[in-house]
Amino acid sequence: MAPTEDASALPGLALANLVRTVRTPEFAGVTFHEVLCRSALNKVPAASQMPFRWTVNPVRGCLHACTYCFARPTHEYLDLGAGRDFETQIVVKTNVVDVLRAELARPSWRREHVAMGTNTDPYQRVEGRYRFMPGIVDALVHHGTPLSVLTKGTLLRRDLPLLADAARHVQVGIGVSLAVLDEELQAELEPGTPTPRARLELIRAVREAGLPCGVIVAPVLPWLTDSVEHLDALLAALADAGASGVTILPLHLRGSVKPLFMAWLARYRPELVQRYDELYGAGAYTPDGYGRWLRDRVAPLLVRHGFGDPSGHRAGRAAMRDGAYPVGSLPRVTPEVAVPGVAQPTLF
């Protein structure tokens, strides 16, 4: 069945350059809002302290539907909700490849690193329909621009030959996000994502293609995934799959994500609601004490599983220079990149 256009969908949508709104049986319950973007390169605020200054996000919204995703509030800028709308009202930049090529061709472009997967996942299922990433990667490589991709999407395997070839010309880093090994909990938290087993196989495939593959273990969920048993099993699985580095970050709940996550927690583990209220209080981040506790907990596990001595790891810009995705084995468990009042790029 062909896609159908629905001009009446979301008449109040605050979206410039909307071309059409599309629904298709292949994505039941999902509406695609196809737009023409004016810019493909997004400049990261300097205050964010991220190890890159530029990103490309072909879509807004995410079919992964991760309960904790702190990109959710970005949908509110479009007069859409951070909850169900974020998962079902997907904004697609149909001309992103052409616009990116034009921007990279400017004499002013300095061939700085471009990161993908910093807001919503470039290899979510939407990519299977629109196939943006091959053109994006080709454009970056053609203009001598180093790149990195962070994803939960096993669709990345489709482009491994392209990415491996790209690495012959520019620095290429691959990162996979995997924080929950228990498949039942993963399905509750991240209902639209590939299983942990599938992502472990993705890590293995990336490494077999000759590419680095850092892993972001984020978010670590207090009383749900921060036990020694869970972290030990997860790190063992990552080591077995060949992960080239690990970064561990605890859950943070900023803005409208907090009530959404707490509502999920009330349904799934109601006995933990009071504990979370006490741990997070009125803020978005765990207290420093929890960060120190988690750091102490994961440090010997990282050493045990061959990720090295946490006191001497490469991280951030150093890893970037070496062509790895900008995550190192350093167990970063404090919100160093958080700057009040400044929009931050999403890492998972």
C-alpha atoms as a PDB file:
ATOM      1  CA  MET A   1       0.000   0.000   0.000  1.00  0.00           C
ATOM      2  CA  ALA A   2       1.325   3.436  -0.915  1.00  0.00           C
ATOM      3  CA  PRO A   3       1.961   6.107   1.708  1.00  0.00           C
ATOM      4  CA  THR A   4      -0.912   8.505   2.304  1.00  0.00           C
ATOM      5  CA  GLU A   5      -0.665  12.242   2.764  1.00  0.00           C
ATOM      6  CA  ASP A   6      -2.642  13.866   5.557  1.00  0.00           C
ATOM      7  CA  ALA A   7      -2.714  17.624   5.247  1.00  0.00           C
ATOM      8  CA  SER A   8      -4.927  17.921   8.311  1.00  0.00           C
ATOM      9  CA  ALA A   9      -2.496  16.215  10.701  1.00  0.00           C
ATOM     10  CA  LEU A  10      -1.329  18.410  13.555  1.00  0.00           C
ATOM     11  CA  PRO A  11      -2.569  21.727  12.144  1.00  0.00           C
ATOM     12  CA  GLY A  12      -0.832  23.630  14.957  1.00  0.00           C
ATOM     13  CA  LEU A  13       2.580  22.152  14.236  1.00  0.00           C
ATOM     14  CA  ALA A  14       5.231  24.860  14.634  1.00  0.00           C
ATOM     15  CA  LEU A  15       7.320  23.569  11.764  1.00  0.00           C
ATOM     16  CA  ALA A  16       8.853  25.696   9.028  1.00  0.00           C
ATOM     17  CA  ASN A  17       9.159  24.463   5.437  1.00  0.00           C
ATOM     18  CA  LEU A  18       6.744  21.550   5.865  1.00  0.00           C
ATOM     19  CA  VAL A  19       6.343  19.776   2.509  1.00  0.00           C
ATOM     20  CA  ARG A  20       3.936  17.004   3.403  1.00  0.00           C
ATOM     21  CA  THR A  21       2.767  14.782   6.214  1.00  0.00           C
ATOM     22  CA  VAL A  22       2.877  11.049   5.523  1.00  0.00           C
ATOM     23  CA  ARG A  23       1.593   7.878   7.129  1.00  0.00           C
ATOM     24  CA  THR A  24       2.478   4.404   5.899  1.00  0.00           C
ATOM     25  CA  PRO A  25       1.358   0.894   6.981  1.00  0.00           C
ATOM     26  CA  GLU A  26       4.998  -0.103   7.497  1.00  0.00           C
ATOM     27  CA  PHE A  27       5.127   2.303  10.459  1.00  0.00           C
ATOM     28  CA  ALA A  28       1.758   1.841  12.126  1.00  0.00           C
ATOM     29  CA  GLY A  29       0.816   4.750  14.379  1.00  0.00           C
ATOM     30  CA  VAL A  30       3.699   6.912  13.158  1.00  0.00           C
ATOM     31  CA  THR A  31       3.395  10.172  11.239  1.00  0.00           C
ATOM     32  CA  PHE A  32       6.297  11.525   9.201  1.00  0.00           C
ATOM     33  CA  HIS A  33       6.480  15.281   8.709  1.00  0.00           C
ATOM     34  CA  GLU A  34       8.731  15.830   5.709  1.00  0.00           C
ATOM     35  CA  VAL A  35      10.449  19.209   5.735  1.00  0.00           C
ATOM     36  CA  LEU A  36      13.053  21.090   3.751  1.00  0.00           C
ATOM     37  CA  CYS A  37      15.844  22.126   6.109  1.00  0.00           C
ATOM     38  CA  ARG A  38      17.851  25.302   5.641  1.00  0.00           C
ATOM     39  CA  SER A  39      20.924  23.928   7.361  1.00  0.00           C
ATOM     40  CA  ALA A  40      22.253  20.431   7.965  1.00  0.00           C
ATOM     41  CA  LEU A  41      25.231  21.262  10.184  1.00  0.00           C
ATOM     42  CA  ASN A  42      24.343  22.167  13.765  1.00  0.00           C
ATOM     43  CA  LYS A  43      26.903  24.015  15.863  1.00  0.00           C
ATOM     44  CA  VAL A  44      27.254  22.728  19.418  1.00  0.00           C
ATOM     45  CA  PRO A  45      27.345  25.490  22.075  1.00  0.00           C
ATOM     46  CA  ALA A  46      30.911  25.966  23.278  1.00  0.00           C
ATOM     47  CA  ALA A  47      29.705  25.867  26.877  1.00  0.00           C
ATOM     48  CA  SER A  48      28.619  22.236  26.454  1.00  0.00           C
ATOM     49  CA  GLN A  49      32.254  21.050  26.772  1.00  0.00           C
ATOM     50  CA  MET A  50      31.588  18.287  24.258  1.00  0.00           C
ATOM     51  CA  PRO A  51      34.629  17.022  22.289  1.00  0.00           C
ATOM     52  CA  PHE A  52      33.072  18.092  18.988  1.00  0.00           C
ATOM     53  CA  ARG A  53      31.577  21.312  17.669  1.00  0.00           C
ATOM     54  CA  TRP A  54      29.330  20.080  14.869  1.00  0.00           C
ATOM     55  CA  THR A  55      26.500  17.582  14.508  1.00  0.00           C
ATOM     56  CA  VAL A  56      24.111  16.377  11.819  1.00  0.00           C
ATOM     57  CA  ASN A  57      20.635  15.128  12.743  1.00  0.00           C
ATOM     58  CA  PRO A  58      18.573  13.966   9.744  1.00  0.00           C
ATOM     59  CA  VAL A  59      15.415  13.532  11.823  1.00  0.00           C
ATOM     60  CA  ARG A  60      13.782  14.848  14.981  1.00  0.00           C
ATOM     61  CA  GLY A  61      11.917  12.457  17.228  1.00  0.00           C
ATOM     62  CA  CYS A  62      12.836   8.810  17.698  1.00  0.00           C
ATOM     63  CA  LEU A  63      11.097   5.482  17.216  1.00  0.00           C
ATOM     64  CA  HIS A  64      13.335   3.905  19.859  1.00  0.00           C
ATOM     65  CA  ALA A  65      10.908   5.356  22.439  1.00  0.00           C
ATOM     66  CA  CYS A  66      13.442   5.162  25.288  1.00  0.00           C
ATOM     67  CA  THR A  67      11.640   6.200  28.460  1.00  0.00           C
ATOM     68  CA  TYR A  68      14.630   8.125  29.798  1.00  0.00           C
ATOM     69  CA  CYS A  69      15.762   9.872  26.593  1.00  0.00           C
ATOM     70  CA  PHE A  70      16.715  13.455  27.357  1.00  0.00           C
ATOM     71  CA  ALA A  71      16.232  14.498  23.723  1.00  0.00           C
ATOM     72  CA  ARG A  72      12.484  14.319  24.347  1.00  0.00           C
ATOM     73  CA  PRO A  73      12.075  17.992  25.377  1.00  0.00           C
ATOM     74  CA  THR A  74      13.420  19.122  21.993  1.00  0.00           C
ATOM     75  CA  HIS A  75      10.034  18.174  20.520  1.00  0.00           C
ATOM     76  CA  GLU A  76       8.422  20.845  22.657  1.00  0.00           C
ATOM     77  CA  TYR A  77      10.102  23.488  20.495  1.00  0.00           C
ATOM     78  CA  LEU A  78       7.802  22.260  17.720  1.00  0.00           C
ATOM     79  CA  ASP A  79       4.654  22.542  19.876  1.00  0.00           C
ATOM     80  CA  LEU A  80       4.703  18.760  20.205  1.00  0.00           C
ATOM     81  CA  GLY A  81       4.806  16.675  23.362  1.00  0.00           C
ATOM     82  CA  ALA A  82       7.882  15.069  24.882  1.00  0.00           C
ATOM     83  CA  GLY A  83       5.938  11.868  25.482  1.00  0.00           C
ATOM     84  CA  ARG A  84       4.035   9.977  22.823  1.00  0.00           C
ATOM     85  CA  ASP A  85       4.553  12.706  20.193  1.00  0.00           C
ATOM     86  CA  PHE A  86       8.328  12.293  20.408  1.00  0.00           C
ATOM     87  CA  GLU A  87       7.895   8.614  19.521  1.00  0.00           C
ATOM     88  CA  THR A  88       5.276   8.942  16.783  1.00  0.00           C
ATOM     89  CA  GLN A  89       5.537  12.418  15.201  1.00  0.00           C
ATOM     90  CA  ILE A  90       8.822  12.210  13.339  1.00  0.00           C
ATOM     91  CA  VAL A  91      10.251  15.227  11.531  1.00  0.00           C
ATOM     92  CA  VAL A  92      12.285  14.187   8.483  1.00  0.00           C
ATOM     93  CA  LYS A  93      14.705  16.551   6.728  1.00  0.00           C
ATOM     94  CA  THR A  94      14.282  15.226   3.215  1.00  0.00           C
ATOM     95  CA  ASN A  95      16.942  17.459   1.643  1.00  0.00           C
ATOM     96  CA  VAL A  96      19.543  17.022   4.385  1.00  0.00           C
ATOM     97  CA  VAL A  97      22.146  15.381   2.127  1.00  0.00           C
ATOM     98  CA  ASP A  98      22.006  18.088  -0.550  1.00  0.00           C
ATOM     99  CA  VAL A  99      22.144  20.870   2.032  1.00  0.00           C
ATOM    100  CA  LEU A 100      25.054  19.193   3.807  1.00  0.00           C
ATOM    101  CA  ARG A 101      27.027  18.901   0.565  1.00  0.00           C
ATOM    102  CA  ALA A 102      26.523  22.605  -0.091  1.00  0.00           C
ATOM    103  CA  GLU A 103      27.615  23.572   3.430  1.00  0.00           C
ATOM    104  CA  LEU A 104      30.719  21.388   3.319  1.00  0.00           C
ATOM    105  CA  ALA A 105      31.704  22.877  -0.027  1.00  0.00           C
ATOM    106  CA  ARG A 106      31.975  26.387   1.421  1.00  0.00           C
ATOM    107  CA  PRO A 107      35.528  27.757   1.606  1.00  0.00           C
ATOM    108  CA  SER A 108      34.887  28.589   5.271  1.00  0.00           C
ATOM    109  CA  TRP A 109      34.395  24.920   6.246  1.00  0.00           C
ATOM    110  CA  ARG A 110      37.393  23.852   8.339  1.00  0.00           C
ATOM    111  CA  ARG A 111      36.840  20.092   8.170  1.00  0.00           C
ATOM    112  CA  GLU A 112      36.084  19.811  11.868  1.00  0.00           C
ATOM    113  CA  HIS A 113      34.746  16.604  13.355  1.00  0.00           C
ATOM    114  CA  VAL A 114      31.020  15.985  12.784  1.00  0.00           C
ATOM    115  CA  ALA A 115      29.143  13.764  15.226  1.00  0.00           C
ATOM    116  CA  MET A 116      25.904  11.919  14.506  1.00  0.00           C
ATOM    117  CA  GLY A 117      23.614  10.363  17.066  1.00  0.00           C
ATOM    118  CA  THR A 118      23.972  13.261  19.497  1.00  0.00           C
ATOM    119  CA  ASN A 119      20.266  14.068  19.538  1.00  0.00           C
ATOM    120  CA  THR A 120      18.215  11.296  17.982  1.00  0.00           C
ATOM    121  CA  ASP A 121      19.548   8.051  16.563  1.00  0.00           C
ATOM    122  CA  PRO A 122      20.562   8.237  12.876  1.00  0.00           C
ATOM    123  CA  TYR A 123      20.080   4.468  12.531  1.00  0.00           C
ATOM    124  CA  GLN A 124      16.620   4.208  14.024  1.00  0.00           C
ATOM    125  CA  ARG A 125      14.080   2.465  11.775  1.00  0.00           C
ATOM    126  CA  VAL A 126      13.337   5.732   9.949  1.00  0.00           C
ATOM    127  CA  GLU A 127      16.689   5.358   8.203  1.00  0.00           C
ATOM    128  CA  GLY A 128      15.463   2.164   6.576  1.00  0.00           C
ATOM    129  CA  ARG A 129      12.796   4.208   4.797  1.00  0.00           C
ATOM    130  CA  TYR A 130      14.741   7.344   3.882  1.00  0.00           C
ATOM    131  CA  ARG A 131      18.362   6.090   3.556  1.00  0.00           C
ATOM    132  CA  PHE A 132      20.053   9.357   4.510  1.00  0.00           C
ATOM    133  CA  MET A 133      23.215   7.993   6.067  1.00  0.00           C
ATOM    134  CA  PRO A 134      25.047   6.718   2.963  1.00  0.00           C
ATOM    135  CA  GLY A 135      24.740  10.173   1.391  1.00  0.00           C
ATOM    136  CA  ILE A 136      25.740  11.920   4.611  1.00  0.00           C
ATOM    137  CA  VAL A 137      28.822   9.738   5.080  1.00  0.00           C
ATOM    138  CA  ASP A 138      29.796  10.161   1.417  1.00  0.00           C
ATOM    139  CA  ALA A 139      29.455  13.942   1.663  1.00  0.00           C
ATOM    140  CA  LEU A 140      31.620  14.130   4.770  1.00  0.00           C
ATOM    141  CA  VAL A 141      34.319  11.894   3.325  1.00  0.00           C
ATOM    142  CA  HIS A 142      34.310  13.750  -0.008  1.00  0.00           C
ATOM    143  CA  HIS A 143      35.084  16.944   1.881  1.00  0.00           C
ATOM    144  CA  GLY A 144      37.734  15.410   4.134  1.00  0.00           C
ATOM    145  CA  THR A 145      35.649  15.675   7.292  1.00  0.00           C
ATOM    146  CA  PRO A 146      36.172  13.239  10.216  1.00  0.00           C
ATOM    147  CA  LEU A 147      32.981  11.754  11.601  1.00  0.00           C
ATOM    148  CA  SER A 148      31.514   9.629  14.338  1.00  0.00           C
ATOM    149  CA  VAL A 149      28.231   7.789  14.818  1.00  0.00           C
ATOM    150  CA  LEU A 150      26.527   6.841  18.064  1.00  0.00           C
ATOM    151  CA  THR A 151      23.620   4.427  17.761  1.00  0.00           C
ATOM    152  CA  LYS A 152      21.468   1.693  19.221  1.00  0.00           C
ATOM    153  CA  GLY A 153      20.363   0.718  15.731  1.00  0.00           C
ATOM    154  CA  THR A 154      21.566  -2.495  14.153  1.00  0.00           C
ATOM    155  CA  LEU A 155      20.740  -0.950  10.775  1.00  0.00           C
ATOM    156  CA  LEU A 156      24.270   0.465  10.972  1.00  0.00           C
ATOM    157  CA  ARG A 157      25.471  -2.978   9.802  1.00  0.00           C
ATOM    158  CA  ARG A 158      24.123  -2.138   6.340  1.00  0.00           C
ATOM    159  CA  ASP A 159      26.675   0.680   6.053  1.00  0.00           C
ATOM    160  CA  LEU A 160      29.719  -1.026   7.568  1.00  0.00           C
ATOM    161  CA  PRO A 161      31.451  -1.465   4.187  1.00  0.00           C
ATOM    162  CA  LEU A 162      30.881   2.227   3.467  1.00  0.00           C
ATOM    163  CA  LEU A 163      32.160   3.268   6.892  1.00  0.00           C
ATOM    164  CA  ALA A 164      35.180   0.972   6.676  1.00  0.00           C
ATOM    165  CA  ASP A 165      36.070   2.510   3.323  1.00  0.00           C
ATOM    166  CA  ALA A 166      35.507   5.994   4.751  1.00  0.00           C
ATOM    167  CA  ALA A 167      38.045   5.213   7.487  1.00  0.00           C
ATOM    168  CA  ARG A 168      40.716   4.930   4.783  1.00  0.00           C
ATOM    169  CA  HIS A 169      40.279   8.633   4.068  1.00  0.00           C
ATOM    170  CA  VAL A 170      39.131  10.311   7.315  1.00  0.00           C
ATOM    171  CA  GLN A 171      38.938   9.427  10.980  1.00  0.00           C
ATOM    172  CA  VAL A 172      35.780   7.414  11.690  1.00  0.00           C
ATOM    173  CA  GLY A 173      34.498   6.542  15.141  1.00  0.00           C
ATOM    174  CA  ILE A 174      31.600   4.246  15.966  1.00  0.00           C
ATOM    175  CA  GLY A 175      29.801   4.180  19.296  1.00  0.00           C
ATOM    176  CA  VAL A 176      27.051   1.840  20.442  1.00  0.00           C
ATOM    177  CA  SER A 177      24.765   2.622  23.355  1.00  0.00           C
ATOM    178  CA  LEU A 178      24.013  -0.385  25.548  1.00  0.00           C
ATOM    179  CA  ALA A 179      23.176  -0.048  29.231  1.00  0.00           C
ATOM    180  CA  VAL A 180      20.701  -2.835  30.001  1.00  0.00           C
ATOM    181  CA  LEU A 181      21.553  -6.504  29.577  1.00  0.00           C
ATOM    182  CA  ASP A 182      18.270  -7.877  30.937  1.00  0.00           C
ATOM    183  CA  GLU A 183      15.948  -8.255  27.924  1.00  0.00           C
ATOM    184  CA  GLU A 184      12.734  -7.894  29.903  1.00  0.00           C
ATOM    185  CA  LEU A 185      13.835  -4.620  31.476  1.00  0.00           C
ATOM    186  CA  GLN A 186      15.263  -3.413  28.154  1.00  0.00           C
ATOM    187  CA  ALA A 187      11.935  -4.031  26.421  1.00  0.00           C
ATOM    188  CA  GLU A 188      10.144  -2.030  29.106  1.00  0.00           C
ATOM    189  CA  LEU A 189      12.597   0.882  29.010  1.00  0.00           C
ATOM    190  CA  GLU A 190      13.438   0.984  25.307  1.00  0.00           C
ATOM    191  CA  PRO A 191      10.536  -0.678  23.477  1.00  0.00           C
ATOM    192  CA  GLY A 192      11.644   0.386  19.986  1.00  0.00           C
ATOM    193  CA  THR A 193      15.300  -0.617  20.215  1.00  0.00           C
ATOM    194  CA  PRO A 194      17.108  -3.787  19.113  1.00  0.00           C
ATOM    195  CA  THR A 195      17.704  -6.332  21.859  1.00  0.00           C
ATOM    196  CA  PRO A 196      20.910  -6.318  23.921  1.00  0.00           C
ATOM    197  CA  ARG A 197      21.990  -9.466  22.121  1.00  0.00           C
ATOM    198  CA  ALA A 198      21.530  -7.793  18.738  1.00  0.00           C
ATOM    199  CA  ARG A 199      23.576  -4.787  19.842  1.00  0.00           C
ATOM    200  CA  LEU A 200      26.361  -7.004  21.126  1.00  0.00           C
ATOM    201  CA  GLU A 201      26.465  -8.619  17.690  1.00  0.00           C
ATOM    202  CA  LEU A 202      26.571  -5.131  16.171  1.00  0.00           C
ATOM    203  CA  ILE A 203      29.632  -4.295  18.285  1.00  0.00           C
ATOM    204  CA  ARG A 204      31.260  -7.508  17.125  1.00  0.00           C
ATOM    205  CA  ALA A 205      30.478  -6.712  13.489  1.00  0.00           C
ATOM    206  CA  VAL A 206      31.911  -3.198  13.794  1.00  0.00           C
ATOM    207  CA  ARG A 207      35.147  -4.545  15.216  1.00  0.00           C
ATOM    208  CA  GLU A 208      35.351  -7.270  12.557  1.00  0.00           C
ATOM    209  CA  ALA A 209      35.038  -4.506   9.960  1.00  0.00           C
ATOM    210  CA  GLY A 210      38.229  -3.009  11.399  1.00  0.00           C
ATOM    211  CA  LEU A 211      36.584  -0.015  13.065  1.00  0.00           C
ATOM    212  CA  PRO A 212      36.808   1.147  16.691  1.00  0.00           C
ATOM    213  CA  CYS A 213      33.650   0.682  18.713  1.00  0.00           C
ATOM    214  CA  GLY A 214      33.260   2.537  21.977  1.00  0.00           C
ATOM    215  CA  VAL A 215      30.254   1.733  24.127  1.00  0.00           C
ATOM    216  CA  ILE A 216      28.241   4.134  26.231  1.00  0.00           C
ATOM    217  CA  VAL A 217      26.756   2.337  29.208  1.00  0.00           C
ATOM    218  CA  ALA A 218      24.109   4.942  29.837  1.00  0.00           C
ATOM    219  CA  PRO A 219      22.023   5.509  31.658  1.00  0.00           C
ATOM    220  CA  VAL A 220      22.841   3.439  34.709  1.00  0.00           C
ATOM    221  CA  LEU A 221      19.575   3.263  36.656  1.00  0.00           C
ATOM    222  CA  PRO A 222      19.773   3.364  40.471  1.00  0.00           C
ATOM    223  CA  TRP A 223      18.492   0.123  42.037  1.00  0.00           C
ATOM    224  CA  LEU A 224      17.696  -1.291  38.605  1.00  0.00           C
ATOM    225  CA  THR A 225      21.000  -1.643  36.730  1.00  0.00           C
ATOM    226  CA  ASP A 226      23.672  -0.464  39.160  1.00  0.00           C
ATOM    227  CA  SER A 227      24.285  -3.769  40.942  1.00  0.00           C
ATOM    228  CA  VAL A 228      27.706  -5.375  40.751  1.00  0.00           C
ATOM    229  CA  GLU A 229      26.086  -8.427  39.169  1.00  0.00           C
ATOM    230  CA  HIS A 230      24.505  -6.476  36.327  1.00  0.00           C
ATOM    231  CA  LEU A 231      27.490  -4.243  35.635  1.00  0.00           C
ATOM    232  CA  ASP A 232      29.905  -7.162  35.791  1.00  0.00           C
ATOM    233  CA  ALA A 233      27.832  -9.239  33.368  1.00  0.00           C
ATOM    234  CA  LEU A 234      27.391  -6.297  30.997  1.00  0.00           C
ATOM    235  CA  LEU A 235      31.077  -5.385  30.924  1.00  0.00           C
ATOM    236  CA  ALA A 236      31.973  -9.042  30.416  1.00  0.00           C
ATOM    237  CA  ALA A 237      29.626  -9.187  27.429  1.00  0.00           C
ATOM    238  CA  LEU A 238      31.062  -5.949  26.003  1.00  0.00           C
ATOM    239  CA  ALA A 239      34.606  -7.236  26.371  1.00  0.00           C
ATOM    240  CA  ASP A 240      33.663 -10.499  24.679  1.00  0.00           C
ATOM    241  CA  ALA A 241      32.105  -8.560  21.782  1.00  0.00           C
ATOM    242  CA  GLY A 242      35.327  -6.581  21.365  1.00  0.00           C
ATOM    243  CA  ALA A 243      34.304  -3.119  22.569  1.00  0.00           C
ATOM    244  CA  SER A 244      37.261  -0.767  22.300  1.00  0.00           C
ATOM    245  CA  GLY A 245      36.232   1.486  25.193  1.00  0.00           C
ATOM    246  CA  VAL A 246      33.476   2.055  27.712  1.00  0.00           C
ATOM    247  CA  THR A 247      31.991   5.191  29.248  1.00  0.00           C
ATOM    248  CA  ILE A 248      29.553   4.823  32.129  1.00  0.00           C
ATOM    249  CA  LEU A 249      27.024   7.529  33.011  1.00  0.00           C
ATOM    250  CA  PRO A 250      24.189   7.531  35.556  1.00  0.00           C
ATOM    251  CA  LEU A 251      20.602   8.414  34.752  1.00  0.00           C
ATOM    252  CA  HIS A 252      19.673  12.061  34.714  1.00  0.00           C
ATOM    253  CA  LEU A 253      16.132  13.375  34.423  1.00  0.00           C
ATOM    254  CA  ARG A 254      15.962  16.858  33.006  1.00  0.00           C
ATOM    255  CA  GLY A 255      12.831  18.878  32.326  1.00  0.00           C
ATOM    256  CA  SER A 256       9.771  17.004  31.099  1.00  0.00           C
ATOM    257  CA  VAL A 257      11.646  13.690  31.025  1.00  0.00           C
ATOM    258  CA  LYS A 258      11.448  13.446  34.798  1.00  0.00           C
ATOM    259  CA  PRO A 259       7.651  13.137  35.147  1.00  0.00           C
ATOM    260  CA  LEU A 260       7.560  10.763  32.168  1.00  0.00           C
ATOM    261  CA  PHE A 261      10.189   8.498  33.706  1.00  0.00           C
ATOM    262  CA  MET A 262       8.620   8.655  37.151  1.00  0.00           C
ATOM    263  CA  ALA A 263       5.256   7.651  35.672  1.00  0.00           C
ATOM    264  CA  TRP A 264       6.967   4.663  34.050  1.00  0.00           C
ATOM    265  CA  LEU A 265       8.651   3.784  37.329  1.00  0.00           C
ATOM    266  CA  ALA A 266       5.327   3.956  39.177  1.00  0.00           C
ATOM    267  CA  ARG A 267       3.947   1.340  36.775  1.00  0.00           C
ATOM    268  CA  TYR A 268       6.990  -0.916  36.570  1.00  0.00           C
ATOM    269  CA  ARG A 269       8.629  -0.661  40.014  1.00  0.00           C
ATOM    270  CA  PRO A 270       6.353   1.388  42.288  1.00  0.00           C
ATOM    271  CA  GLU A 271       8.381   0.476  45.367  1.00  0.00           C
ATOM    272  CA  LEU A 272      11.270   2.558  43.973  1.00  0.00           C
ATOM    273  CA  VAL A 273       9.338   5.793  43.466  1.00  0.00           C
ATOM    274  CA  GLN A 274      10.070   7.177  46.925  1.00  0.00           C
ATOM    275  CA  ARG A 275      13.746   6.232  46.634  1.00  0.00           C
ATOM    276  CA  TYR A 276      14.030   8.105  43.327  1.00  0.00           C
ATOM    277  CA  ASP A 277      12.226  11.106  44.785  1.00  0.00           C
ATOM    278  CA  GLU A 278      14.751  11.184  47.603  1.00  0.00           C
ATOM    279  CA  LEU A 279      17.772  10.584  45.334  1.00  0.00           C
ATOM    280  CA  TYR A 280      16.931  13.194  42.702  1.00  0.00           C
ATOM    281  CA  GLY A 281      14.979  15.626  44.865  1.00  0.00           C
ATOM    282  CA  ALA A 282      14.067  18.702  42.845  1.00  0.00           C
ATOM    283  CA  GLY A 283      17.046  18.311  40.523  1.00  0.00           C
ATOM    284  CA  ALA A 284      17.927  16.402  37.380  1.00  0.00           C
ATOM    285  CA  TYR A 285      21.129  14.675  38.490  1.00  0.00           C
ATOM    286  CA  THR A 286      22.143  12.176  41.122  1.00  0.00           C
ATOM    287  CA  PRO A 287      24.073  13.631  44.068  1.00  0.00           C
ATOM    288  CA  ASP A 288      27.865  13.699  43.964  1.00  0.00           C
ATOM    289  CA  GLY A 289      27.891  10.920  46.536  1.00  0.00           C
ATOM    290  CA  TYR A 290      26.127   8.559  44.168  1.00  0.00           C
ATOM    291  CA  GLY A 291      28.589   9.444  41.436  1.00  0.00           C
ATOM    292  CA  ARG A 292      31.553   8.635  43.665  1.00  0.00           C
ATOM    293  CA  TRP A 293      29.886   5.408  44.785  1.00  0.00           C
ATOM    294  CA  LEU A 294      29.252   4.313  41.202  1.00  0.00           C
ATOM    295  CA  ARG A 295      32.787   5.258  40.135  1.00  0.00           C
ATOM    296  CA  ASP A 296      34.250   3.147  42.915  1.00  0.00           C
ATOM    297  CA  ARG A 297      31.964   0.272  41.980  1.00  0.00           C
ATOM    298  CA  VAL A 298      32.800   0.189  38.271  1.00  0.00           C
ATOM    299  CA  ALA A 299      36.546   0.885  38.502  1.00  0.00           C
ATOM    300  CA  PRO A 300      37.627  -2.670  39.420  1.00  0.00           C
ATOM    301  CA  LEU A 301      35.132  -4.129  36.955  1.00  0.00           C
ATOM    302  CA  LEU A 302      36.653  -2.147  34.102  1.00  0.00           C
ATOM    303  CA  VAL A 303      40.088  -3.460  35.024  1.00  0.00           C
ATOM    304  CA  ARG A 304      38.765  -7.019  35.369  1.00  0.00           C
ATOM    305  CA  HIS A 305      37.348  -7.006  31.878  1.00  0.00           C
ATOM    306  CA  GLY A 306      40.355  -5.538  30.130  1.00  0.00           C
ATOM    307  CA  PHE A 307      39.268  -1.942  29.770  1.00  0.00           C
ATOM    308  CA  GLY A 308      42.391  -0.844  31.630  1.00  0.00           C
ATOM    309  CA  ASP A 309      43.278   1.260  34.615  1.00  0.00           C
ATOM    310  CA  PRO A 310      40.619   3.991  34.946  1.00  0.00           C
ATOM    311  CA  SER A 311      43.210   6.467  36.215  1.00  0.00           C
ATOM    312  CA  GLY A 312      45.084   6.454  32.915  1.00  0.00           C
ATOM    313  CA  HIS A 313      42.484   6.229  30.155  1.00  0.00           C
ATOM    314  CA  ARG A 314      42.219   8.294  27.039  1.00  0.00           C
ATOM    315  CA  ALA A 315      38.979  10.229  26.906  1.00  0.00           C
ATOM    316  CA  GLY A 316      37.236  12.976  24.993  1.00  0.00           C
ATOM    317  CA  ARG A 317      39.472  14.869  22.586  1.00  0.00           C
ATOM    318  CA  ALA A 318      42.418  12.475  22.889  1.00  0.00           C
ATOM    319  CA  ALA A 319      40.250   9.543  21.815  1.00  0.00           C
ATOM    320  CA  MET A 320      38.868  11.672  19.010  1.00  0.00           C
ATOM    321  CA  ARG A 321      42.339  12.379  17.680  1.00  0.00           C
ATOM    322  CA  ASP A 322      43.024   8.643  17.603  1.00  0.00           C
ATOM    323  CA  GLY A 323      39.960   8.034  15.460  1.00  0.00           C
ATOM    324  CA  ALA A 324      37.780   6.445  18.127  1.00  0.00           C
ATOM    325  CA  TYR A 325      34.283   7.501  18.975  1.00  0.00           C
ATOM    326  CA  PRO A 326      34.589  10.191  21.687  1.00  0.00           C
ATOM    327  CA  VAL A 327      34.047   7.847  24.582  1.00  0.00           C
ATOM    328  CA  GLY A 328      36.904   6.318  26.483  1.00  0.00           C
ATOM    329  CA  SER A 329      37.099   3.665  29.172  1.00  0.00           C
ATOM    330  CA  LEU A 330      37.168   6.351  31.832  1.00  0.00           C
ATOM    331  CA  PRO A 331      34.140   5.796  34.095  1.00  0.00           C
ATOM    332  CA  ARG A 332      32.703   9.301  33.826  1.00  0.00           C
ATOM    333  CA  VAL A 333      29.846   9.295  36.283  1.00  0.00           C
ATOM    334  CA  THR A 334      29.392  12.987  36.963  1.00  0.00           C
ATOM    335  CA  PRO A 335      27.522  15.389  34.668  1.00  0.00           C
ATOM    336  CA  GLU A 336      30.569  17.335  33.482  1.00  0.00           C
ATOM    337  CA  VAL A 337      28.834  18.479  30.303  1.00  0.00           C
ATOM    338  CA  ALA A 338      25.816  19.993  32.043  1.00  0.00           C
ATOM    339  CA  VAL A 339      25.661  23.780  31.880  1.00  0.00           C
ATOM    340  CA  PRO A 340      22.541  25.392  33.387  1.00  0.00           C
ATOM    341  CA  GLY A 341      20.504  27.278  30.849  1.00  0.00           C
ATOM    342  CA  VAL A 342      22.418  25.911  27.838  1.00  0.00           C
ATOM    343  CA  ALA A 343      20.890  23.321  25.520  1.00  0.00           C
ATOM    344  CA  GLN A 344      23.043  20.204  25.610  1.00  0.00           C
ATOM    345  CA  PRO A 345      23.523  17.623  22.833  1.00  0.00           C
ATOM    346  CA  THR A 346      22.023  14.252  23.656  1.00  0.00           C
ATOM    347  CA  LEU A 347      24.415  11.343  23.900  1.00  0.00           C
ATOM    348  CA  PHE A 348      21.958   8.477  24.187  1.00  0.00           C
END
